[in-house]
Amino acid sequence: MADLVPDHYELARSAHLEDKQLFFLQCAMEENCLAASAVVAQESGYGWHLETRRLMRFTARIVNQGDEAFRPFLPKENWVWHGCHM
């Protein structure tokens, strides 16, 4: 992965905070991308979808500066796609 170089100037320029209701973060919740407190809120019952989380959003511009192609460690046929990405 040393050939992959993130553009830290673009990251710093585009970084901002955004508040989102859990209703809009259900996919992230199903993939365990949110803190455990979001799952606790969901399990607490009524109104969980109205709670908010603060996200740090940014653009990820990454350049492959090496002479090798980036190859994931799993072959494509073994990738697991979550339903919300279809």
PDB file of N, CA and C in Angstrom:
ATOM      1  N   MET A   1       0.817  -1.199   0.000  1.00  0.00           N
ATOM      2  CA  MET A   1       0.000   0.000   0.000  1.00  0.00           C
ATOM      3  C   MET A   1       0.863   1.266   0.000  1.00  0.00           C
ATOM      4  N   ALA A   2       2.169   1.114   0.023  1.00  0.00           N
ATOM      5  CA  ALA A   2       3.018   2.304   0.062  1.00  0.00           C
ATOM      6  C   ALA A   2       2.928   3.122  -1.216  1.00  0.00           C
ATOM      7  N   ASP A   3       2.466   2.504  -2.317  1.00  0.00           N
ATOM      8  CA  ASP A   3       2.329   3.226  -3.581  1.00  0.00           C
ATOM      9  C   ASP A   3       1.115   4.145  -3.595  1.00  0.00           C
ATOM     10  N   LEU A   4       0.168   3.950  -2.681  1.00  0.00           N
ATOM     11  CA  LEU A   4      -1.037   4.779  -2.636  1.00  0.00           C
ATOM     12  C   LEU A   4      -0.754   6.021  -1.791  1.00  0.00           C
ATOM     13  N   VAL A   5      -0.927   7.189  -2.404  1.00  0.00           N
ATOM     14  CA  VAL A   5      -0.592   8.447  -1.736  1.00  0.00           C
ATOM     15  C   VAL A   5      -1.836   9.327  -1.662  1.00  0.00           C
ATOM     16  N   PRO A   6      -2.360   9.564  -0.452  1.00  0.00           N
ATOM     17  CA  PRO A   6      -3.521  10.457  -0.325  1.00  0.00           C
ATOM     18  C   PRO A   6      -3.108  11.919  -0.506  1.00  0.00           C
ATOM     19  N   ASP A   7      -3.999  12.704  -1.074  1.00  0.00           N
ATOM     20  CA  ASP A   7      -3.780  14.142  -1.246  1.00  0.00           C
ATOM     21  C   ASP A   7      -4.234  14.836   0.041  1.00  0.00           C
ATOM     22  N   HIS A   8      -3.290  15.088   0.953  1.00  0.00           N
ATOM     23  CA  HIS A   8      -3.658  15.645   2.257  1.00  0.00           C
ATOM     24  C   HIS A   8      -4.126  17.096   2.155  1.00  0.00           C
ATOM     25  N   TYR A   9      -3.729  17.814   1.120  1.00  0.00           N
ATOM     26  CA  TYR A   9      -4.228  19.184   0.936  1.00  0.00           C
ATOM     27  C   TYR A   9      -5.715  19.172   0.590  1.00  0.00           C
ATOM     28  N   GLU A  10      -6.116  18.263  -0.299  1.00  0.00           N
ATOM     29  CA  GLU A  10      -7.530  18.154  -0.665  1.00  0.00           C
ATOM     30  C   GLU A  10      -8.354  17.690   0.532  1.00  0.00           C
ATOM     31  N   LEU A  11      -7.808  16.774   1.311  1.00  0.00           N
ATOM     32  CA  LEU A  11      -8.504  16.298   2.503  1.00  0.00           C
ATOM     33  C   LEU A  11      -8.735  17.455   3.475  1.00  0.00           C
ATOM     34  N   ALA A  12      -7.692  18.246   3.729  1.00  0.00           N
ATOM     35  CA  ALA A  12      -7.822  19.376   4.663  1.00  0.00           C
ATOM     36  C   ALA A  12      -8.774  20.442   4.120  1.00  0.00           C
ATOM     37  N   ARG A  13      -8.743  20.679   2.805  1.00  0.00           N
ATOM     38  CA  ARG A  13      -9.603  21.696   2.203  1.00  0.00           C
ATOM     39  C   ARG A  13     -11.069  21.308   2.279  1.00  0.00           C
ATOM     40  N   SER A  14     -11.362  20.025   2.094  1.00  0.00           N
ATOM     41  CA  SER A  14     -12.755  19.591   1.988  1.00  0.00           C
ATOM     42  C   SER A  14     -13.363  19.125   3.312  1.00  0.00           C
ATOM     43  N   ALA A  15     -12.573  18.982   4.354  1.00  0.00           N
ATOM     44  CA  ALA A  15     -13.082  18.453   5.630  1.00  0.00           C
ATOM     45  C   ALA A  15     -14.113  19.396   6.249  1.00  0.00           C
ATOM     46  N   HIS A  16     -15.226  18.808   6.674  1.00  0.00           N
ATOM     47  CA  HIS A  16     -16.268  19.577   7.358  1.00  0.00           C
ATOM     48  C   HIS A  16     -17.108  18.626   8.211  1.00  0.00           C
ATOM     49  N   LEU A  17     -17.826  19.190   9.171  1.00  0.00           N
ATOM     50  CA  LEU A  17     -18.695  18.397  10.039  1.00  0.00           C
ATOM     51  C   LEU A  17     -20.118  18.458   9.514  1.00  0.00           C
ATOM     52  N   GLU A  18     -20.825  17.335   9.654  1.00  0.00           N
ATOM     53  CA  GLU A  18     -22.208  17.255   9.180  1.00  0.00           C
ATOM     54  C   GLU A  18     -23.016  16.410  10.159  1.00  0.00           C
ATOM     55  N   ASP A  19     -24.157  16.917  10.579  1.00  0.00           N
ATOM     56  CA  ASP A  19     -25.048  16.163  11.459  1.00  0.00           C
ATOM     57  C   ASP A  19     -26.063  15.404  10.611  1.00  0.00           C
ATOM     58  N   LYS A  20     -26.204  14.098  10.891  1.00  0.00           N
ATOM     59  CA  LYS A  20     -27.149  13.250  10.157  1.00  0.00           C
ATOM     60  C   LYS A  20     -27.999  12.471  11.148  1.00  0.00           C
ATOM     61  N   GLN A  21     -29.279  12.328  10.821  1.00  0.00           N
ATOM     62  CA  GLN A  21     -30.148  11.482  11.633  1.00  0.00           C
ATOM     63  C   GLN A  21     -29.812  10.018  11.361  1.00  0.00           C
ATOM     64  N   LEU A  22     -30.010   9.182  12.379  1.00  0.00           N
ATOM     65  CA  LEU A  22     -29.717   7.759  12.234  1.00  0.00           C
ATOM     66  C   LEU A  22     -30.528   7.116  11.114  1.00  0.00           C
ATOM     67  N   PHE A  23     -31.688   7.681  10.817  1.00  0.00           N
ATOM     68  CA  PHE A  23     -32.497   7.164   9.714  1.00  0.00           C
ATOM     69  C   PHE A  23     -31.687   7.111   8.422  1.00  0.00           C
ATOM     70  N   PHE A  24     -30.846   8.122   8.190  1.00  0.00           N
ATOM     71  CA  PHE A  24     -30.050   8.200   6.970  1.00  0.00           C
ATOM     72  C   PHE A  24     -28.741   7.419   7.070  1.00  0.00           C
ATOM     73  N   LEU A  25     -28.472   6.827   8.215  1.00  0.00           N
ATOM     74  CA  LEU A  25     -27.223   6.095   8.428  1.00  0.00           C
ATOM     75  C   LEU A  25     -27.463   4.608   8.670  1.00  0.00           C
ATOM     76  N   GLN A  26     -28.610   4.103   8.244  1.00  0.00           N
ATOM     77  CA  GLN A  26     -28.936   2.705   8.512  1.00  0.00           C
ATOM     78  C   GLN A  26     -27.943   1.748   7.862  1.00  0.00           C
ATOM     79  N   CYS A  27     -27.504   2.049   6.640  1.00  0.00           N
ATOM     80  CA  CYS A  27     -26.536   1.187   5.968  1.00  0.00           C
ATOM     81  C   CYS A  27     -25.225   1.151   6.762  1.00  0.00           C
ATOM     82  N   ALA A  28     -24.755   2.310   7.185  1.00  0.00           N
ATOM     83  CA  ALA A  28     -23.530   2.382   7.980  1.00  0.00           C
ATOM     84  C   ALA A  28     -23.689   1.621   9.292  1.00  0.00           C
ATOM     85  N   MET A  29     -24.885   1.675   9.873  1.00  0.00           N
ATOM     86  CA  MET A  29     -25.141   0.960  11.119  1.00  0.00           C
ATOM     87  C   MET A  29     -25.094  -0.554  10.890  1.00  0.00           C
ATOM     88  N   GLU A  30     -25.695  -1.015   9.798  1.00  0.00           N
ATOM     89  CA  GLU A  30     -25.705  -2.448   9.501  1.00  0.00           C
ATOM     90  C   GLU A  30     -24.309  -2.981   9.224  1.00  0.00           C
ATOM     91  N   GLU A  31     -23.425  -2.135   8.728  1.00  0.00           N
ATOM     92  CA  GLU A  31     -22.057  -2.559   8.430  1.00  0.00           C
ATOM     93  C   GLU A  31     -21.090  -2.253   9.573  1.00  0.00           C
ATOM     94  N   ASN A  32     -21.623  -1.891  10.737  1.00  0.00           N
ATOM     95  CA  ASN A  32     -20.832  -1.604  11.942  1.00  0.00           C
ATOM     96  C   ASN A  32     -19.837  -0.464  11.742  1.00  0.00           C
ATOM     97  N   CYS A  33     -20.249   0.560  10.994  1.00  0.00           N
ATOM     98  CA  CYS A  33     -19.401   1.733  10.781  1.00  0.00           C
ATOM     99  C   CYS A  33     -19.685   2.844  11.790  1.00  0.00           C
ATOM    100  N   LEU A  34     -20.713   2.676  12.609  1.00  0.00           N
ATOM    101  CA  LEU A  34     -21.055   3.678  13.621  1.00  0.00           C
ATOM    102  C   LEU A  34     -20.645   3.173  15.000  1.00  0.00           C
ATOM    103  N   ALA A  35     -20.581   4.080  15.936  1.00  0.00           N
ATOM    104  CA  ALA A  35     -20.241   3.725  17.313  1.00  0.00           C
ATOM    105  C   ALA A  35     -21.314   2.825  17.918  1.00  0.00           C
ATOM    106  N   ALA A  36     -20.938   2.089  18.934  1.00  0.00           N
ATOM    107  CA  ALA A  36     -21.875   1.182  19.607  1.00  0.00           C
ATOM    108  C   ALA A  36     -23.073   1.929  20.174  1.00  0.00           C
ATOM    109  N   SER A  37     -22.913   3.202  20.497  1.00  0.00           N
ATOM    110  CA  SER A  37     -24.034   3.972  21.048  1.00  0.00           C
ATOM    111  C   SER A  37     -25.175   4.107  20.043  1.00  0.00           C
ATOM    112  N   ALA A  38     -24.883   4.053  18.754  1.00  0.00           N
ATOM    113  CA  ALA A  38     -25.939   4.116  17.738  1.00  0.00           C
ATOM    114  C   ALA A  38     -26.782   2.851  17.767  1.00  0.00           C
ATOM    115  N   VAL A  39     -26.143   1.715  17.970  1.00  0.00           N
ATOM    116  CA  VAL A  39     -26.871   0.445  18.056  1.00  0.00           C
ATOM    117  C   VAL A  39     -27.723   0.423  19.315  1.00  0.00           C
ATOM    118  N   VAL A  40     -27.181   0.928  20.418  1.00  0.00           N
ATOM    119  CA  VAL A  40     -27.939   1.004  21.668  1.00  0.00           C
ATOM    120  C   VAL A  40     -29.167   1.884  21.465  1.00  0.00           C
ATOM    121  N   ALA A  41     -29.001   2.998  20.762  1.00  0.00           N
ATOM    122  CA  ALA A  41     -30.136   3.888  20.501  1.00  0.00           C
ATOM    123  C   ALA A  41     -31.195   3.178  19.669  1.00  0.00           C
ATOM    124  N   GLN A  42     -30.763   2.408  18.679  1.00  0.00           N
ATOM    125  CA  GLN A  42     -31.713   1.685  17.829  1.00  0.00           C
ATOM    126  C   GLN A  42     -32.483   0.649  18.638  1.00  0.00           C
ATOM    127  N   GLU A  43     -31.797  -0.033  19.527  1.00  0.00           N
ATOM    128  CA  GLU A  43     -32.439  -1.078  20.326  1.00  0.00           C
ATOM    129  C   GLU A  43     -33.329  -0.505  21.422  1.00  0.00           C
ATOM    130  N   SER A  44     -33.184   0.786  21.708  1.00  0.00           N
ATOM    131  CA  SER A  44     -33.974   1.390  22.780  1.00  0.00           C
ATOM    132  C   SER A  44     -35.435   1.572  22.396  1.00  0.00           C
ATOM    133  N   GLY A  45     -35.712   1.479  21.089  1.00  0.00           N
ATOM    134  CA  GLY A  45     -37.109   1.528  20.682  1.00  0.00           C
ATOM    135  C   GLY A  45     -37.493   2.771  19.926  1.00  0.00           C
ATOM    136  N   TYR A  46     -38.676   3.255  20.205  1.00  0.00           N
ATOM    137  CA  TYR A  46     -39.305   4.338  19.452  1.00  0.00           C
ATOM    138  C   TYR A  46     -38.450   5.599  19.386  1.00  0.00           C
ATOM    139  N   GLY A  47     -38.368   6.195  18.209  1.00  0.00           N
ATOM    140  CA  GLY A  47     -37.696   7.474  18.038  1.00  0.00           C
ATOM    141  C   GLY A  47     -36.205   7.402  17.786  1.00  0.00           C
ATOM    142  N   TRP A  48     -35.640   6.207  17.720  1.00  0.00           N
ATOM    143  CA  TRP A  48     -34.190   6.082  17.525  1.00  0.00           C
ATOM    144  C   TRP A  48     -33.733   6.720  16.217  1.00  0.00           C
ATOM    145  N   HIS A  49     -34.576   6.637  15.194  1.00  0.00           N
ATOM    146  CA  HIS A  49     -34.189   7.133  13.873  1.00  0.00           C
ATOM    147  C   HIS A  49     -34.066   8.659  13.817  1.00  0.00           C
ATOM    148  N   LEU A  50     -34.573   9.352  14.836  1.00  0.00           N
ATOM    149  CA  LEU A  50     -34.484  10.812  14.873  1.00  0.00           C
ATOM    150  C   LEU A  50     -33.220  11.311  15.573  1.00  0.00           C
ATOM    151  N   GLU A  51     -32.519  10.418  16.277  1.00  0.00           N
ATOM    152  CA  GLU A  51     -31.266  10.817  16.932  1.00  0.00           C
ATOM    153  C   GLU A  51     -30.223  11.136  15.870  1.00  0.00           C
ATOM    154  N   THR A  52     -29.288  12.011  16.207  1.00  0.00           N
ATOM    155  CA  THR A  52     -28.288  12.432  15.223  1.00  0.00           C
ATOM    156  C   THR A  52     -26.883  12.004  15.635  1.00  0.00           C
ATOM    157  N   ARG A  53     -26.045  11.924  14.646  1.00  0.00           N
ATOM    158  CA  ARG A  53     -24.621  11.681  14.841  1.00  0.00           C
ATOM    159  C   ARG A  53     -23.876  12.729  14.025  1.00  0.00           C
ATOM    160  N   ARG A  54     -22.741  13.182  14.543  1.00  0.00           N
ATOM    161  CA  ARG A  54     -21.908  14.162  13.843  1.00  0.00           C
ATOM    162  C   ARG A  54     -20.818  13.405  13.081  1.00  0.00           C
ATOM    163  N   LEU A  55     -20.776  13.666  11.790  1.00  0.00           N
ATOM    164  CA  LEU A  55     -19.817  13.006  10.914  1.00  0.00           C
ATOM    165  C   LEU A  55     -18.774  13.999  10.430  1.00  0.00           C
ATOM    166  N   MET A  56     -17.546  13.534  10.279  1.00  0.00           N
ATOM    167  CA  MET A  56     -16.527  14.337   9.623  1.00  0.00           C
ATOM    168  C   MET A  56     -16.464  13.864   8.176  1.00  0.00           C
ATOM    169  N   ARG A  57     -16.839  14.728   7.251  1.00  0.00           N
ATOM    170  CA  ARG A  57     -16.890  14.386   5.828  1.00  0.00           C
ATOM    171  C   ARG A  57     -15.690  15.015   5.131  1.00  0.00           C
ATOM    172  N   PHE A  58     -15.170  14.325   4.114  1.00  0.00           N
ATOM    173  CA  PHE A  58     -14.035  14.847   3.361  1.00  0.00           C
ATOM    174  C   PHE A  58     -13.919  14.111   2.036  1.00  0.00           C
ATOM    175  N   THR A  59     -13.215  14.734   1.112  1.00  0.00           N
ATOM    176  CA  THR A  59     -12.929  14.128  -0.181  1.00  0.00           C
ATOM    177  C   THR A  59     -11.656  13.313  -0.053  1.00  0.00           C
ATOM    178  N   ALA A  60     -11.676  12.120  -0.594  1.00  0.00           N
ATOM    179  CA  ALA A  60     -10.485  11.273  -0.579  1.00  0.00           C
ATOM    180  C   ALA A  60      -9.942  11.180  -2.007  1.00  0.00           C
ATOM    181  N   ARG A  61      -8.905  11.926  -2.279  1.00  0.00           N
ATOM    182  CA  ARG A  61      -8.233  11.854  -3.577  1.00  0.00           C
ATOM    183  C   ARG A  61      -6.935  11.090  -3.350  1.00  0.00           C
ATOM    184  N   ILE A  62      -6.813   9.944  -4.003  1.00  0.00           N
ATOM    185  CA  ILE A  62      -5.661   9.073  -3.784  1.00  0.00           C
ATOM    186  C   ILE A  62      -5.028   8.747  -5.129  1.00  0.00           C
ATOM    187  N   VAL A  63      -3.714   8.859  -5.195  1.00  0.00           N
ATOM    188  CA  VAL A  63      -2.972   8.583  -6.418  1.00  0.00           C
ATOM    189  C   VAL A  63      -2.130   7.332  -6.207  1.00  0.00           C
ATOM    190  N   ASN A  64      -2.117   6.445  -7.199  1.00  0.00           N
ATOM    191  CA  ASN A  64      -1.230   5.285  -7.183  1.00  0.00           C
ATOM    192  C   ASN A  64       0.049   5.701  -7.901  1.00  0.00           C
ATOM    193  N   GLN A  65       1.101   6.012  -7.133  1.00  0.00           N
ATOM    194  CA  GLN A  65       2.343   6.512  -7.725  1.00  0.00           C
ATOM    195  C   GLN A  65       3.317   5.403  -8.090  1.00  0.00           C
ATOM    196  N   GLY A  66       2.981   4.187  -7.777  1.00  0.00           N
ATOM    197  CA  GLY A  66       3.883   3.084  -8.083  1.00  0.00           C
ATOM    198  C   GLY A  66       3.680   2.562  -9.493  1.00  0.00           C
ATOM    199  N   ASP A  67       4.423   1.526  -9.815  1.00  0.00           N
ATOM    200  CA  ASP A  67       4.281   0.919 -11.134  1.00  0.00           C
ATOM    201  C   ASP A  67       3.466  -0.372 -11.083  1.00  0.00           C
ATOM    202  N   GLU A  68       2.970  -0.706  -9.911  1.00  0.00           N
ATOM    203  CA  GLU A  68       2.121  -1.887  -9.752  1.00  0.00           C
ATOM    204  C   GLU A  68       0.670  -1.461  -9.637  1.00  0.00           C
ATOM    205  N   ALA A  69      -0.216  -2.266 -10.191  1.00  0.00           N
ATOM    206  CA  ALA A  69      -1.650  -2.014 -10.038  1.00  0.00           C
ATOM    207  C   ALA A  69      -2.064  -2.373  -8.617  1.00  0.00           C
ATOM    208  N   PHE A  70      -3.039  -1.641  -8.086  1.00  0.00           N
ATOM    209  CA  PHE A  70      -3.561  -1.962  -6.758  1.00  0.00           C
ATOM    210  C   PHE A  70      -4.422  -3.209  -6.865  1.00  0.00           C
ATOM    211  N   ARG A  71      -4.126  -4.201  -6.069  1.00  0.00           N
ATOM    212  CA  ARG A  71      -4.868  -5.457  -6.100  1.00  0.00           C
ATOM    213  C   ARG A  71      -5.362  -5.782  -4.686  1.00  0.00           C
ATOM    214  N   PRO A  72      -6.686  -5.869  -4.499  1.00  0.00           N
ATOM    215  CA  PRO A  72      -7.220  -6.270  -3.192  1.00  0.00           C
ATOM    216  C   PRO A  72      -6.749  -7.684  -2.841  1.00  0.00           C
ATOM    217  N   PHE A  73      -6.720  -7.999  -1.552  1.00  0.00           N
ATOM    218  CA  PHE A  73      -6.222  -9.306  -1.133  1.00  0.00           C
ATOM    219  C   PHE A  73      -7.201 -10.434  -1.433  1.00  0.00           C
ATOM    220  N   LEU A  74      -8.478 -10.116  -1.668  1.00  0.00           N
ATOM    221  CA  LEU A  74      -9.473 -11.133  -2.030  1.00  0.00           C
ATOM    222  C   LEU A  74      -9.813 -11.018  -3.511  1.00  0.00           C
ATOM    223  N   PRO A  75      -9.987 -12.151  -4.191  1.00  0.00           N
ATOM    224  CA  PRO A  75     -10.447 -12.077  -5.577  1.00  0.00           C
ATOM    225  C   PRO A  75     -11.859 -11.497  -5.643  1.00  0.00           C
ATOM    226  N   LYS A  76     -12.176 -10.879  -6.767  1.00  0.00           N
ATOM    227  CA  LYS A  76     -13.453 -10.180  -6.919  1.00  0.00           C
ATOM    228  C   LYS A  76     -14.647 -11.085  -6.648  1.00  0.00           C
ATOM    229  N   GLU A  77     -14.563 -12.346  -7.016  1.00  0.00           N
ATOM    230  CA  GLU A  77     -15.699 -13.255  -6.809  1.00  0.00           C
ATOM    231  C   GLU A  77     -15.959 -13.541  -5.330  1.00  0.00           C
ATOM    232  N   ASN A  78     -15.027 -13.207  -4.452  1.00  0.00           N
ATOM    233  CA  ASN A  78     -15.207 -13.406  -3.011  1.00  0.00           C
ATOM    234  C   ASN A  78     -15.623 -12.135  -2.276  1.00  0.00           C
ATOM    235  N   TRP A  79     -15.773 -11.026  -3.002  1.00  0.00           N
ATOM    236  CA  TRP A  79     -16.214  -9.790  -2.362  1.00  0.00           C
ATOM    237  C   TRP A  79     -17.650  -9.947  -1.898  1.00  0.00           C
ATOM    238  N   VAL A  80     -17.959  -9.359  -0.757  1.00  0.00           N
ATOM    239  CA  VAL A  80     -19.316  -9.394  -0.216  1.00  0.00           C
ATOM    240  C   VAL A  80     -19.903  -7.990  -0.350  1.00  0.00           C
ATOM    241  N   TRP A  81     -20.970  -7.889  -1.133  1.00  0.00           N
ATOM    242  CA  TRP A  81     -21.636  -6.604  -1.347  1.00  0.00           C
ATOM    243  C   TRP A  81     -22.848  -6.513  -0.450  1.00  0.00           C
ATOM    244  N   HIS A  82     -22.963  -5.425   0.261  1.00  0.00           N
ATOM    245  CA  HIS A  82     -24.113  -5.200   1.126  1.00  0.00           C
ATOM    246  C   HIS A  82     -25.276  -4.708   0.274  1.00  0.00           C
ATOM    247  N   GLY A  83     -26.488  -5.080   0.631  1.00  0.00           N
ATOM    248  CA  GLY A  83     -27.673  -4.739  -0.133  1.00  0.00           C
ATOM    249  C   GLY A  83     -27.874  -3.256  -0.362  1.00  0.00           C
ATOM    250  N   CYS A  84     -27.412  -2.409   0.559  1.00  0.00           N
ATOM    251  CA  CYS A  84     -27.640  -0.973   0.394  1.00  0.00           C
ATOM    252  C   CYS A  84     -26.719  -0.363  -0.659  1.00  0.00           C
ATOM    253  N   HIS A  85     -25.752  -1.111  -1.144  1.00  0.00           N
ATOM    254  CA  HIS A  85     -24.864  -0.599  -2.187  1.00  0.00           C
ATOM    255  C   HIS A  85     -25.300  -1.024  -3.580  1.00  0.00           C
ATOM    256  N   MET A  86     -26.348  -1.790  -3.660  1.00  0.00           N
ATOM    257  CA  MET A  86     -26.804  -2.294  -4.962  1.00  0.00           C
ATOM    258  C   MET A  86     -27.673  -1.290  -5.665  1.00  0.00           C
TER     259      MET A  86
END
